[in-house]
C-alpha atoms as a PDB file:
ATOM      1  CA  MET A   1       0.067  -0.090  -0.046  1.00  0.00           C
ATOM      2  CA  TYR A   2       1.306   3.602  -0.979  1.00  0.00           C
ATOM      3  CA  THR A   3       1.089   6.474   1.613  1.00  0.00           C
ATOM      4  CA  ARG A   4       1.378  10.093   1.418  1.00  0.00           C
ATOM      5  CA  GLU A   5       5.256   9.832   1.417  1.00  0.00           C
ATOM      6  CA  LEU A   6       5.041   9.920  -2.270  1.00  0.00           C
ATOM      7  CA  LYS A   7       6.757  12.566  -4.557  1.00  0.00           C
ATOM      8  CA  ASN A   8       4.477  13.625  -7.166  1.00  0.00           C
ATOM      9  CA  ILE A   9       5.604  15.040 -10.542  1.00  0.00           C
ATOM     10  CA  PHE A  10       3.128  16.866 -12.628  1.00  0.00           C
ATOM     11  CA  ILE A  11       4.154  17.416 -16.406  1.00  0.00           C
ATOM     12  CA  ASN A  12       2.287  19.149 -19.127  1.00  0.00           C
ATOM     13  CA  LEU A  13       2.873  17.137 -22.043  1.00  0.00           C
ATOM     14  CA  SER A  14       2.850  19.965 -24.696  1.00  0.00           C
ATOM     15  CA  GLU A  15       5.499  22.223 -22.730  1.00  0.00           C
ATOM     16  CA  ILE A  16       8.290  19.813 -22.019  1.00  0.00           C
ATOM     17  CA  GLU A  17      11.045  18.950 -24.381  1.00  0.00           C
ATOM     18  CA  PRO A  18      11.491  15.814 -26.044  1.00  0.00           C
ATOM     19  CA  GLU A  19      14.672  14.826 -24.059  1.00  0.00           C
ATOM     20  CA  VAL A  20      12.827  15.199 -20.852  1.00  0.00           C
ATOM     21  CA  LEU A  21       9.719  13.639 -21.993  1.00  0.00           C
ATOM     22  CA  ARG A  22      11.753  10.676 -23.066  1.00  0.00           C
ATOM     23  CA  ARG A  23      13.512  10.229 -20.005  1.00  0.00           C
ATOM     24  CA  TYR A  24      10.277  10.029 -17.856  1.00  0.00           C
ATOM     25  CA  MET A  25       8.349   7.982 -20.508  1.00  0.00           C
ATOM     26  CA  LEU A  26      11.291   5.478 -21.008  1.00  0.00           C
ATOM     27  CA  ASN A  27      11.490   5.231 -17.271  1.00  0.00           C
ATOM     28  CA  GLU A  28       7.907   4.663 -16.632  1.00  0.00           C
ATOM     29  CA  VAL A  29       6.010   3.338 -19.664  1.00  0.00           C
ATOM     30  CA  GLY A  30       8.773   2.436 -22.198  1.00  0.00           C
ATOM     31  CA  GLU A  31       9.588   3.534 -25.659  1.00  0.00           C
ATOM     32  CA  LYS A  32       5.942   3.592 -27.369  1.00  0.00           C
ATOM     33  CA  ALA A  33       4.675   6.474 -25.079  1.00  0.00           C
ATOM     34  CA  LYS A  34       1.369   7.448 -26.922  1.00  0.00           C
ATOM     35  CA  ASP A  35       0.212   3.813 -26.790  1.00  0.00           C
ATOM     36  CA  LYS A  36       1.373   3.312 -23.061  1.00  0.00           C
ATOM     37  CA  LEU A  37      -0.990   6.482 -22.280  1.00  0.00           C
ATOM     38  CA  TYR A  38      -3.519   5.505 -24.133  1.00  0.00           C
ATOM     39  CA  ASN A  39      -3.477   2.154 -22.618  1.00  0.00           C
ATOM     40  CA  TYR A  40      -3.479   3.589 -19.083  1.00  0.00           C
ATOM     41  CA  LEU A  41      -6.870   4.877 -20.095  1.00  0.00           C
ATOM     42  CA  LYS A  42      -8.227   2.382 -22.788  1.00  0.00           C
ATOM     43  CA  ASP A  43     -11.001   0.768 -20.332  1.00  0.00           C
ATOM     44  CA  LEU A  44     -12.763   4.208 -21.026  1.00  0.00           C
ATOM     45  CA  SER A  45     -13.706   2.974 -24.247  1.00  0.00           C
ATOM     46  CA  GLU A  46     -16.327   1.081 -22.448  1.00  0.00           C
ATOM     47  CA  SER A  47     -18.131   4.299 -21.424  1.00  0.00           C
ATOM     48  CA  TYR A  48     -16.912   6.095 -24.417  1.00  0.00           C
ATOM     49  CA  PRO A  49     -16.869   3.866 -27.458  1.00  0.00           C
ATOM     50  CA  GLN A  50     -15.159   6.462 -29.789  1.00  0.00           C
ATOM     51  CA  PHE A  51     -12.379   6.910 -27.082  1.00  0.00           C
ATOM     52  CA  GLU A  52      -9.302   5.494 -28.957  1.00  0.00           C
ATOM     53  CA  ASN A  53      -9.714   7.428 -32.211  1.00  0.00           C
ATOM     54  CA  TRP A  54     -10.647  10.667 -30.184  1.00  0.00           C
ATOM     55  CA  PHE A  55      -7.349  10.049 -28.511  1.00  0.00           C
ATOM     56  CA  TYR A  56      -5.175   9.306 -31.420  1.00  0.00           C
ATOM     57  CA  SER A  57      -6.894  11.719 -33.935  1.00  0.00           C
ATOM     58  CA  VAL A  58      -7.851  14.693 -31.918  1.00  0.00           C
ATOM     59  CA  VAL A  59      -6.123  14.784 -28.562  1.00  0.00           C
ATOM     60  CA  ILE A  60      -2.379  13.810 -29.577  1.00  0.00           C
ATOM     61  CA  PRO A  61      -2.293  15.883 -32.806  1.00  0.00           C
ATOM     62  CA  GLU A  62      -3.688  18.875 -30.946  1.00  0.00           C
ATOM     63  CA  VAL A  63      -1.215  18.523 -28.103  1.00  0.00           C
ATOM     64  CA  GLU A  64       1.857  18.424 -30.456  1.00  0.00           C
ATOM     65  CA  ARG A  65       0.606  21.304 -32.591  1.00  0.00           C
ATOM     66  CA  LYS A  66       1.441  23.206 -28.916  1.00  0.00           C
ATOM     67  CA  LYS A  67      -1.314  25.878 -29.639  1.00  0.00           C
ATOM     68  CA  GLY A  68      -2.687  25.756 -26.123  1.00  0.00           C
ATOM     69  CA  GLU A  69      -5.844  24.425 -26.907  1.00  0.00           C
ATOM     70  CA  ARG A  70      -5.387  20.751 -25.662  1.00  0.00           C
ATOM     71  CA  GLU A  71      -3.148  19.557 -23.172  1.00  0.00           C
ATOM     72  CA  ILE A  72      -2.359  16.311 -21.242  1.00  0.00           C
ATOM     73  CA  ILE A  73      -1.206  16.355 -17.912  1.00  0.00           C
ATOM     74  CA  ILE A  74       0.670  13.441 -16.580  1.00  0.00           C
ATOM     75  CA  VAL A  75       1.470  12.558 -12.744  1.00  0.00           C
ATOM     76  CA  PHE A  76       4.243  10.439 -11.955  1.00  0.00           C
ATOM     77  CA  SER A  77       4.573   9.517  -8.166  1.00  0.00           C
ATOM     78  CA  GLN A  78       8.018   8.349  -6.918  1.00  0.00           C
ATOM     79  CA  SER A  79       8.280   6.255  -3.623  1.00  0.00           C
ATOM     80  CA  ALA A  80      11.588   4.746  -2.685  1.00  0.00           C
ATOM     81  CA  HIS A  81      13.268   4.071  -6.204  1.00  0.00           C
ATOM     82  CA  LYS A  82       9.987   3.476  -7.974  1.00  0.00           C
ATOM     83  CA  VAL A  83       8.583   5.985 -10.453  1.00  0.00           C
ATOM     84  CA  VAL A  84       5.115   5.020 -11.380  1.00  0.00           C
ATOM     85  CA  LEU A  85       2.461   6.869 -13.752  1.00  0.00           C
ATOM     86  CA  THR A  86      -0.400   7.596 -11.190  1.00  0.00           C
ATOM     87  CA  GLY A  87      -2.386  10.319 -13.022  1.00  0.00           C
ATOM     88  CA  ILE A  88      -3.474  11.682 -16.215  1.00  0.00           C
ATOM     89  CA  ALA A  89      -5.825  14.553 -17.109  1.00  0.00           C
ATOM     90  CA  ILE A  90      -6.908  15.411 -20.922  1.00  0.00           C
ATOM     91  CA  LEU A  91      -8.100  19.116 -21.065  1.00  0.00           C
ATOM     92  CA  LYS A  92      -9.599  21.484 -23.827  1.00  0.00           C
ATOM     93  CA  ARG A  93      -8.996  25.192 -23.439  1.00  0.00           C
ATOM     94  CA  ARG A  94     -11.055  27.252 -25.861  1.00  0.00           C
ATOM     95  CA  ALA A  95     -12.848  30.401 -25.772  1.00  0.00           C
ATOM     96  CA  GLN A  96     -16.301  29.067 -25.634  1.00  0.00           C
ATOM     97  CA  GLU A  97     -15.243  25.717 -23.476  1.00  0.00           C
ATOM     98  CA  LYS A  98     -13.004  25.071 -20.658  1.00  0.00           C
ATOM     99  CA  LYS A  99     -13.231  21.271 -20.118  1.00  0.00           C
ATOM    100  CA  ILE A 100     -11.750  18.314 -18.069  1.00  0.00           C
ATOM    101  CA  CYS A 101     -12.412  15.903 -20.931  1.00  0.00           C
ATOM    102  CA  THR A 102     -10.562  12.815 -19.086  1.00  0.00           C
ATOM    103  CA  PHE A 103      -9.354  12.605 -15.558  1.00  0.00           C
ATOM    104  CA  ARG A 104      -7.722   9.402 -13.891  1.00  0.00           C
ATOM    105  CA  VAL A 105      -5.904   8.598 -10.859  1.00  0.00           C
ATOM    106  CA  HIS A 106      -4.466   5.039 -10.559  1.00  0.00           C
ATOM    107  CA  GLU A 107      -6.599   2.862  -8.360  1.00  0.00           C
ATOM    108  CA  ASP A 108      -3.557   2.034  -6.299  1.00  0.00           C
ATOM    109  CA  PHE A 109      -2.726   5.718  -5.619  1.00  0.00           C
ATOM    110  CA  ARG A 110      -6.578   7.307  -4.939  1.00  0.00           C
ATOM    111  CA  ASN A 111      -7.269   8.699  -1.526  1.00  0.00           C
ATOM    112  CA  LEU A 112      -3.646  10.026  -1.256  1.00  0.00           C
ATOM    113  CA  GLY A 113      -4.208  13.643  -2.456  1.00  0.00           C
ATOM    114  CA  ILE A 114      -3.237  13.159  -6.132  1.00  0.00           C
ATOM    115  CA  GLY A 115      -6.520  13.605  -7.468  1.00  0.00           C
ATOM    116  CA  THR A 116      -6.774  17.077  -5.513  1.00  0.00           C
ATOM    117  CA  GLU A 117      -3.341  18.047  -6.966  1.00  0.00           C
ATOM    118  CA  LEU A 118      -4.216  17.129 -10.362  1.00  0.00           C
ATOM    119  CA  PHE A 119      -7.611  19.102 -10.192  1.00  0.00           C
ATOM    120  CA  GLU A 120      -5.705  22.057  -9.107  1.00  0.00           C
ATOM    121  CA  LYS A 121      -3.229  21.712 -12.025  1.00  0.00           C
ATOM    122  CA  CYS A 122      -6.196  21.380 -14.244  1.00  0.00           C
ATOM    123  CA  PHE A 123      -7.843  24.702 -13.035  1.00  0.00           C
ATOM    124  CA  GLU A 124      -4.430  26.420 -13.427  1.00  0.00           C
ATOM    125  CA  PHE A 125      -4.303  25.455 -17.145  1.00  0.00           C
ATOM    126  CA  LEU A 126      -7.721  26.352 -17.834  1.00  0.00           C
ATOM    127  CA  GLY A 127      -7.856  29.214 -16.286  1.00  0.00           C
ATOM    128  CA  THR A 128     -10.983  28.432 -14.110  1.00  0.00           C
ATOM    129  CA  ARG A 129     -12.034  26.747 -10.984  1.00  0.00           C
ATOM    130  CA  LYS A 130     -15.481  25.727 -12.893  1.00  0.00           C
ATOM    131  CA  PRO A 131     -14.503  23.735 -15.820  1.00  0.00           C
ATOM    132  CA  ILE A 132     -17.218  21.871 -17.576  1.00  0.00           C
ATOM    133  CA  ILE A 133     -16.470  18.025 -16.594  1.00  0.00           C
ATOM    134  CA  THR A 134     -19.023  15.211 -17.744  1.00  0.00           C
ATOM    135  CA  ILE A 135     -19.072  12.069 -15.794  1.00  0.00           C
ATOM    136  CA  SER A 136     -20.500   8.656 -16.648  1.00  0.00           C
ATOM    137  CA  GLN A 137     -23.277   7.329 -14.295  1.00  0.00           C
ATOM    138  CA  ASN A 138     -21.053   4.164 -13.882  1.00  0.00           C
ATOM    139  CA  ARG A 139     -18.150   6.512 -12.506  1.00  0.00           C
ATOM    140  CA  LYS A 140     -20.117   9.182 -10.639  1.00  0.00           C
ATOM    141  CA  ASP A 141     -19.204   7.720  -7.321  1.00  0.00           C
ATOM    142  CA  MET A 142     -15.637   8.033  -7.495  1.00  0.00           C
ATOM    143  CA  PHE A 143     -15.969  11.898  -8.327  1.00  0.00           C
ATOM    144  CA  GLU A 144     -18.559  12.610  -5.873  1.00  0.00           C
ATOM    145  CA  SER A 145     -16.207  13.811  -3.161  1.00  0.00           C
ATOM    146  CA  HIS A 146     -14.387  16.287  -5.417  1.00  0.00           C
ATOM    147  CA  ILE A 147     -17.678  17.608  -6.826  1.00  0.00           C
ATOM    148  CA  ARG A 148     -18.909  18.257  -3.541  1.00  0.00           C
ATOM    149  CA  ALA A 149     -15.429  19.860  -2.558  1.00  0.00           C
ATOM    150  CA  TYR A 150     -15.100  22.081  -5.494  1.00  0.00           C
ATOM    151  CA  ASN A 151     -19.061  22.941  -5.523  1.00  0.00           C
ATOM    152  CA  PHE A 152     -19.490  21.591  -9.119  1.00  0.00           C
ATOM    153  CA  VAL A 153     -22.922  22.608 -10.507  1.00  0.00           C
ATOM    154  CA  GLU A 154     -24.978  19.486 -12.366  1.00  0.00           C
ATOM    155  CA  THR A 155     -26.091  21.485 -15.404  1.00  0.00           C
ATOM    156  CA  GLN A 156     -27.289  18.551 -17.775  1.00  0.00           C
ATOM    157  CA  MET A 157     -27.997  15.100 -17.545  1.00  0.00           C
ATOM    158  CA  LEU A 158     -27.603  13.462 -20.773  1.00  0.00           C
ATOM    159  CA  GLU A 159     -29.162   9.878 -21.494  1.00  0.00           C
ATOM    160  CA  GLY A 160     -27.324   7.740 -24.139  1.00  0.00           C
ATOM    161  CA  TYR A 161     -24.873  10.733 -25.058  1.00  0.00           C
ATOM    162  CA  TYR A 162     -21.732   8.640 -25.469  1.00  0.00           C
ATOM    163  CA  THR A 163     -23.250   5.175 -24.498  1.00  0.00           C
ATOM    164  CA  GLN A 164     -26.738   3.730 -24.912  1.00  0.00           C
ATOM    165  CA  ASN A 165     -28.692   3.452 -21.772  1.00  0.00           C
ATOM    166  CA  THR A 166     -26.027   5.211 -19.891  1.00  0.00           C
ATOM    167  CA  ILE A 167     -26.604   8.610 -18.270  1.00  0.00           C
ATOM    168  CA  GLU A 168     -23.535  11.406 -18.730  1.00  0.00           C
ATOM    169  CA  TYR A 169     -23.737  13.960 -15.962  1.00  0.00           C
ATOM    170  CA  VAL A 170     -22.512  17.351 -17.162  1.00  0.00           C
ATOM    171  CA  TYR A 171     -21.247  19.891 -14.676  1.00  0.00           C
ATOM    172  CA  ASN A 172     -20.199  23.586 -14.715  1.00  0.00           C
ATOM    173  CA  GLY A 173     -21.624  24.331 -18.347  1.00  0.00           C
ATOM    174  CA  PHE A 174     -23.512  22.813 -21.266  1.00  0.00           C
ATOM    175  CA  LEU A 175     -21.945  20.631 -24.157  1.00  0.00           C
ATOM    176  CA  VAL A 176     -22.002  22.625 -27.046  1.00  0.00           C
ATOM    177  CA  ASP A 177     -21.987  20.060 -29.726  1.00  0.00           C
ATOM    178  CA  ILE A 178     -25.482  18.303 -28.695  1.00  0.00           C
END
């Protein structure tokens, strides 16, 4: 079991130089960094059927263009001599929409403050403490404490938006592409 003795490193993927990224990624996830990041999140395709296509065709190209509209924040945690990928957030920052698109903390590292720190990094990048965030009904419980802590306001309940017979809860705004 991990304790709060972790040293957490937060990295904005678009802002780091290739050598720095390579050092962390080779240490943690190996040569195929994009694939390893995707594999960390791929179970989300159960709730979001187009997740893989979106990740590779939208997110990665937008982050690589470095225009500041899309970001991936990754969290590495170091305990003793081991460095582990413990969290990822995918963000969208546009004039009409500031959104946390994906938010994940590794299940072995939950309740250690990493999620709270990662939310703070998201708010910093997005320039708001009330970004739009959508949460599938089957993952809502794991976000409940943060929803309350940050006073997120439920603004939409969309049945079947991403997956048939599943409710997607929208907080702090409205999805513009309905």
